[in-house]
C-alpha atoms as a PDB file:
ATOM      1  CA  MET A   1     -12.798 -19.536 -17.604  1.00  0.00           C
ATOM      2  CA  ARG A   2     -12.316 -16.599 -20.168  1.00  0.00           C
ATOM      3  CA  SER A   3     -15.963 -15.282 -19.341  1.00  0.00           C
ATOM      4  CA  LEU A   4     -15.066 -15.274 -15.298  1.00  0.00           C
ATOM      5  CA  VAL A   5     -11.709 -13.602 -15.864  1.00  0.00           C
ATOM      6  CA  PHE A   6     -13.344 -11.469 -17.578  1.00  0.00           C
ATOM      7  CA  ILE A   7     -16.291 -10.988 -15.982  1.00  0.00           C
ATOM      8  CA  ALA A   8     -13.871 -10.117 -12.095  1.00  0.00           C
ATOM      9  CA  ALA A   9     -11.643  -7.909 -14.455  1.00  0.00           C
ATOM     10  CA  ILE A  10     -15.275  -5.596 -14.966  1.00  0.00           C
ATOM     11  CA  ALA A  11     -16.065  -6.536 -11.630  1.00  0.00           C
ATOM     12  CA  LEU A  12     -12.753  -4.918  -9.569  1.00  0.00           C
ATOM     13  CA  ALA A  13     -13.089  -2.037 -12.258  1.00  0.00           C
ATOM     14  CA  GLY A  14     -16.045  -0.782 -10.646  1.00  0.00           C
ATOM     15  CA  CYS A  15     -13.890  -0.968  -7.012  1.00  0.00           C
ATOM     16  CA  GLN A  16     -10.778   1.191  -8.224  1.00  0.00           C
ATOM     17  CA  PRO A  17     -11.300   4.673  -6.399  1.00  0.00           C
ATOM     18  CA  THR A  18     -12.653   8.060  -9.364  1.00  0.00           C
ATOM     19  CA  GLN A  19     -10.054  10.318  -9.869  1.00  0.00           C
ATOM     20  CA  LEU A  20     -10.543  13.864  -8.988  1.00  0.00           C
ATOM     21  CA  PRO A  21     -11.151  16.055 -11.932  1.00  0.00           C
ATOM     22  CA  THR A  22      -8.076  18.602 -12.261  1.00  0.00           C
ATOM     23  CA  PRO A  23      -8.875  21.586 -10.507  1.00  0.00           C
ATOM     24  CA  ILE A  24      -8.308  25.754 -12.316  1.00  0.00           C
ATOM     25  CA  GLU A  25      -4.896  26.433 -11.146  1.00  0.00           C
ATOM     26  CA  VAL A  26      -4.785  29.233  -8.687  1.00  0.00           C
ATOM     27  CA  GLY A  27      -1.503  28.914  -7.012  1.00  0.00           C
ATOM     28  CA  SER A  28      -1.949  25.420  -4.434  1.00  0.00           C
ATOM     29  CA  GLU A  29       0.542  26.204  -1.772  1.00  0.00           C
ATOM     30  CA  ILE A  30       0.836  23.273   1.082  1.00  0.00           C
ATOM     31  CA  PRO A  31       0.792  24.555   4.751  1.00  0.00           C
ATOM     32  CA  ALA A  32       3.891  23.907   6.643  1.00  0.00           C
ATOM     33  CA  ASP A  33       4.717  21.049   8.806  1.00  0.00           C
ATOM     34  CA  ASN A  34       3.720  23.273  11.676  1.00  0.00           C
ATOM     35  CA  MET A  35      -0.144  22.251  11.488  1.00  0.00           C
ATOM     36  CA  VAL A  36       0.476  18.846  12.534  1.00  0.00           C
ATOM     37  CA  SER A  37       1.953  19.953  15.734  1.00  0.00           C
ATOM     38  CA  LEU A  38      -0.688  21.978  16.396  1.00  0.00           C
ATOM     39  CA  LEU A  39      -3.484  19.250  15.557  1.00  0.00           C
ATOM     40  CA  ASN A  40      -0.933  16.752  17.923  1.00  0.00           C
ATOM     41  CA  ALA A  41      -0.310  19.378  21.136  1.00  0.00           C
ATOM     42  CA  ALA A  42      -4.027  20.224  21.170  1.00  0.00           C
ATOM     43  CA  ARG A  43      -5.250  15.908  21.080  1.00  0.00           C
ATOM     44  CA  ALA A  44      -2.675  15.494  23.476  1.00  0.00           C
ATOM     45  CA  ASP A  45      -4.064  18.189  25.611  1.00  0.00           C
ATOM     46  CA  THR A  46      -7.612  15.915  26.113  1.00  0.00           C
ATOM     47  CA  GLY A  47      -5.773  12.792  26.433  1.00  0.00           C
ATOM     48  CA  LEU A  48      -6.349  12.004  22.808  1.00  0.00           C
ATOM     49  CA  GLY A  49      -3.511  10.187  20.504  1.00  0.00           C
ATOM     50  CA  PRO A  50      -1.354  11.397  17.275  1.00  0.00           C
ATOM     51  CA  VAL A  51      -2.817  12.449  14.110  1.00  0.00           C
ATOM     52  CA  ARG A  52      -0.925  11.777  10.711  1.00  0.00           C
ATOM     53  CA  GLU A  53      -1.126  13.489   7.127  1.00  0.00           C
ATOM     54  CA  ASN A  54      -2.474  11.380   4.526  1.00  0.00           C
ATOM     55  CA  ALA A  55      -1.862  12.315   1.301  1.00  0.00           C
ATOM     56  CA  ARG A  56      -5.297  11.282  -0.053  1.00  0.00           C
ATOM     57  CA  LEU A  57      -6.302  13.502   2.136  1.00  0.00           C
ATOM     58  CA  SER A  58      -4.734  16.465   1.770  1.00  0.00           C
ATOM     59  CA  GLN A  59      -5.009  16.184  -2.631  1.00  0.00           C
ATOM     60  CA  ALA A  60      -9.443  16.837  -1.208  1.00  0.00           C
ATOM     61  CA  ALA A  61      -8.559  19.313   1.364  1.00  0.00           C
ATOM     62  CA  ARG A  62      -6.766  21.389  -1.572  1.00  0.00           C
ATOM     63  CA  PHE A  63      -8.937  20.388  -4.251  1.00  0.00           C
ATOM     64  CA  HIS A  64     -11.949  22.014  -2.242  1.00  0.00           C
ATOM     65  CA  ALA A  65      -9.907  25.161  -1.270  1.00  0.00           C
ATOM     66  CA  THR A  66      -8.404  25.913  -5.116  1.00  0.00           C
ATOM     67  CA  ASP A  67     -12.288  24.837  -5.878  1.00  0.00           C
ATOM     68  CA  MET A  68     -13.687  27.518  -3.149  1.00  0.00           C
ATOM     69  CA  VAL A  69     -11.437  29.851  -4.658  1.00  0.00           C
ATOM     70  CA  ALA A  70     -12.070  29.781  -8.549  1.00  0.00           C
ATOM     71  CA  ASN A  71     -15.552  29.405  -8.275  1.00  0.00           C
ATOM     72  CA  ASP A  72     -15.610  32.188  -6.122  1.00  0.00           C
ATOM     73  CA  TYR A  73     -17.943  30.605  -3.277  1.00  0.00           C
ATOM     74  CA  PHE A  74     -17.316  29.257   0.564  1.00  0.00           C
ATOM     75  CA  SER A  75     -19.237  26.202   1.726  1.00  0.00           C
ATOM     76  CA  HIS A  76     -18.980  22.719   2.803  1.00  0.00           C
ATOM     77  CA  THR A  77     -20.614  21.704  -0.423  1.00  0.00           C
ATOM     78  CA  GLY A  78     -18.617  21.472  -3.622  1.00  0.00           C
ATOM     79  CA  ARG A  79     -20.212  23.516  -6.622  1.00  0.00           C
ATOM     80  CA  THR A  80     -21.575  20.555  -7.924  1.00  0.00           C
ATOM     81  CA  GLY A  81     -22.838  18.991  -4.861  1.00  0.00           C
ATOM     82  CA  SER A  82     -19.818  17.003  -3.241  1.00  0.00           C
ATOM     83  CA  SER A  83     -20.016  16.102   0.169  1.00  0.00           C
ATOM     84  CA  PHE A  84     -16.581  16.254   1.824  1.00  0.00           C
ATOM     85  CA  THR A  85     -16.552  12.320   2.160  1.00  0.00           C
ATOM     86  CA  ASP A  86     -17.702  12.204  -1.987  1.00  0.00           C
ATOM     87  CA  ARG A  87     -14.424  14.534  -2.043  1.00  0.00           C
ATOM     88  CA  ALA A  88     -12.167  11.820  -0.123  1.00  0.00           C
ATOM     89  CA  ARG A  89     -13.443   8.714  -2.322  1.00  0.00           C
ATOM     90  CA  ALA A  90     -12.691  10.286  -5.193  1.00  0.00           C
ATOM     91  CA  ALA A  91      -9.060  11.039  -3.856  1.00  0.00           C
ATOM     92  CA  GLY A  92      -9.203   7.231  -2.501  1.00  0.00           C
ATOM     93  CA  TYR A  93      -9.881   7.499   0.541  1.00  0.00           C
ATOM     94  CA  ALA A  94     -12.564   5.669   1.468  1.00  0.00           C
ATOM     95  CA  CYS A  95     -12.697   7.005   6.039  1.00  0.00           C
ATOM     96  CA  ALA A  96     -13.127  10.138   6.071  1.00  0.00           C
ATOM     97  CA  ALA A  97     -14.900  11.499   9.593  1.00  0.00           C
ATOM     98  CA  ALA A  98     -14.873  15.334   9.243  1.00  0.00           C
ATOM     99  CA  GLU A  99     -13.579  18.396   7.779  1.00  0.00           C
ATOM    100  CA  ASN A 100     -12.848  22.279   8.853  1.00  0.00           C
ATOM    101  CA  ILE A 101     -13.061  25.052   6.592  1.00  0.00           C
ATOM    102  CA  ALA A 102     -12.042  28.829   6.725  1.00  0.00           C
ATOM    103  CA  SER A 103     -11.184  31.646   4.774  1.00  0.00           C
ATOM    104  CA  GLY A 104      -9.069  35.047   5.970  1.00  0.00           C
ATOM    105  CA  GLN A 105      -6.399  33.736   8.002  1.00  0.00           C
ATOM    106  CA  GLU A 106      -3.561  34.190   7.191  1.00  0.00           C
ATOM    107  CA  THR A 107      -0.848  31.504   9.125  1.00  0.00           C
ATOM    108  CA  GLU A 108      -1.339  27.847  10.251  1.00  0.00           C
ATOM    109  CA  SER A 109      -1.487  29.749  13.962  1.00  0.00           C
ATOM    110  CA  GLU A 110      -4.087  31.994  13.518  1.00  0.00           C
ATOM    111  CA  VAL A 111      -6.839  29.370  11.048  1.00  0.00           C
ATOM    112  CA  PHE A 112      -5.372  26.755  14.356  1.00  0.00           C
ATOM    113  CA  THR A 113      -6.881  29.582  16.987  1.00  0.00           C
ATOM    114  CA  THR A 114     -10.311  29.983  14.844  1.00  0.00           C
ATOM    115  CA  TRP A 115     -11.227  26.506  14.842  1.00  0.00           C
ATOM    116  CA  MET A 116     -10.588  25.702  18.043  1.00  0.00           C
ATOM    117  CA  ASN A 117     -12.744  28.914  19.429  1.00  0.00           C
ATOM    118  CA  SER A 118     -14.868  27.054  17.588  1.00  0.00           C
ATOM    119  CA  SER A 119     -17.170  24.073  18.471  1.00  0.00           C
ATOM    120  CA  GLY A 120     -18.614  22.596  16.050  1.00  0.00           C
ATOM    121  CA  HIS A 121     -14.335  23.086  14.432  1.00  0.00           C
ATOM    122  CA  ARG A 122     -13.072  22.095  17.904  1.00  0.00           C
ATOM    123  CA  ARG A 123     -15.149  18.899  18.181  1.00  0.00           C
ATOM    124  CA  ASN A 124     -13.539  17.788  15.053  1.00  0.00           C
ATOM    125  CA  ILE A 125     -10.299  18.050  15.686  1.00  0.00           C
ATOM    126  CA  LEU A 126     -10.513  16.530  18.675  1.00  0.00           C
ATOM    127  CA  LEU A 127     -12.351  13.165  17.017  1.00  0.00           C
ATOM    128  CA  ARG A 128     -11.464  10.141  18.919  1.00  0.00           C
ATOM    129  CA  ASP A 129     -11.456   7.660  16.425  1.00  0.00           C
ATOM    130  CA  ALA A 130      -9.574  10.613  13.875  1.00  0.00           C
ATOM    131  CA  ARG A 131      -6.265   8.675  13.227  1.00  0.00           C
ATOM    132  CA  GLU A 132      -5.137  10.706   9.820  1.00  0.00           C
ATOM    133  CA  PHE A 133      -5.424  14.526   8.678  1.00  0.00           C
ATOM    134  CA  GLY A 134      -5.795  15.918   5.160  1.00  0.00           C
ATOM    135  CA  ILE A 135      -4.828  19.522   4.858  1.00  0.00           C
ATOM    136  CA  GLY A 136      -5.610  22.726   2.121  1.00  0.00           C
ATOM    137  CA  ARG A 137      -4.822  25.877   1.345  1.00  0.00           C
ATOM    138  CA  VAL A 138      -4.833  28.370  -1.783  1.00  0.00           C
ATOM    139  CA  GLY A 139      -3.952  32.152  -0.111  1.00  0.00           C
ATOM    140  CA  ASN A 140      -6.119  32.111   2.442  1.00  0.00           C
ATOM    141  CA  MET A 141      -8.121  29.457   2.389  1.00  0.00           C
ATOM    142  CA  TRP A 142      -8.594  26.796   4.223  1.00  0.00           C
ATOM    143  CA  VAL A 143      -9.784  23.429   4.232  1.00  0.00           C
ATOM    144  CA  LEU A 144      -8.983  20.473   6.727  1.00  0.00           C
ATOM    145  CA  MET A 145     -10.053  16.897   6.545  1.00  0.00           C
ATOM    146  CA  MET A 146     -10.171  14.493   9.423  1.00  0.00           C
ATOM    147  CA  GLY A 147     -10.460  10.744   8.851  1.00  0.00           C
ATOM    148  CA  ARG A 148     -11.039   7.467  10.349  1.00  0.00           C
ATOM    149  CA  GLY A 149      -7.652   5.906   9.061  1.00  0.00           C
ATOM    150  CA  CYS A 150      -9.487   2.612   7.504  1.00  0.00           C
END
């Protein structure tokens, strides 16, 4: 019986989410609550349901924004080769659906307008099955992650 308990404990330990490494601190900023209003207004205009912020998705988004600023790059692929789904899983979120990144915009309204004027970014914001989002900002580096909420 002890061996079964030990084996079960080892198996369950393998299911635990990987922790994101601590990024180099560069003054992470958390955007105001305005982003949820912008997202939900755009989604409502097209007949889609609202999304809500998910802390784990925001953690993954902040990590990527911090990493891009600290290491001077701009890409959906992390410098270690990670994808947005890899970063979301490392933060404990298994259902990431899309990622938008932007650089240079000073306000949430400005970055949101930029994304909505880009067909690919707009498509991500208006994903029919999106239920949650995460947002990360460091200076004028922005990362938005959309999730399915599963």
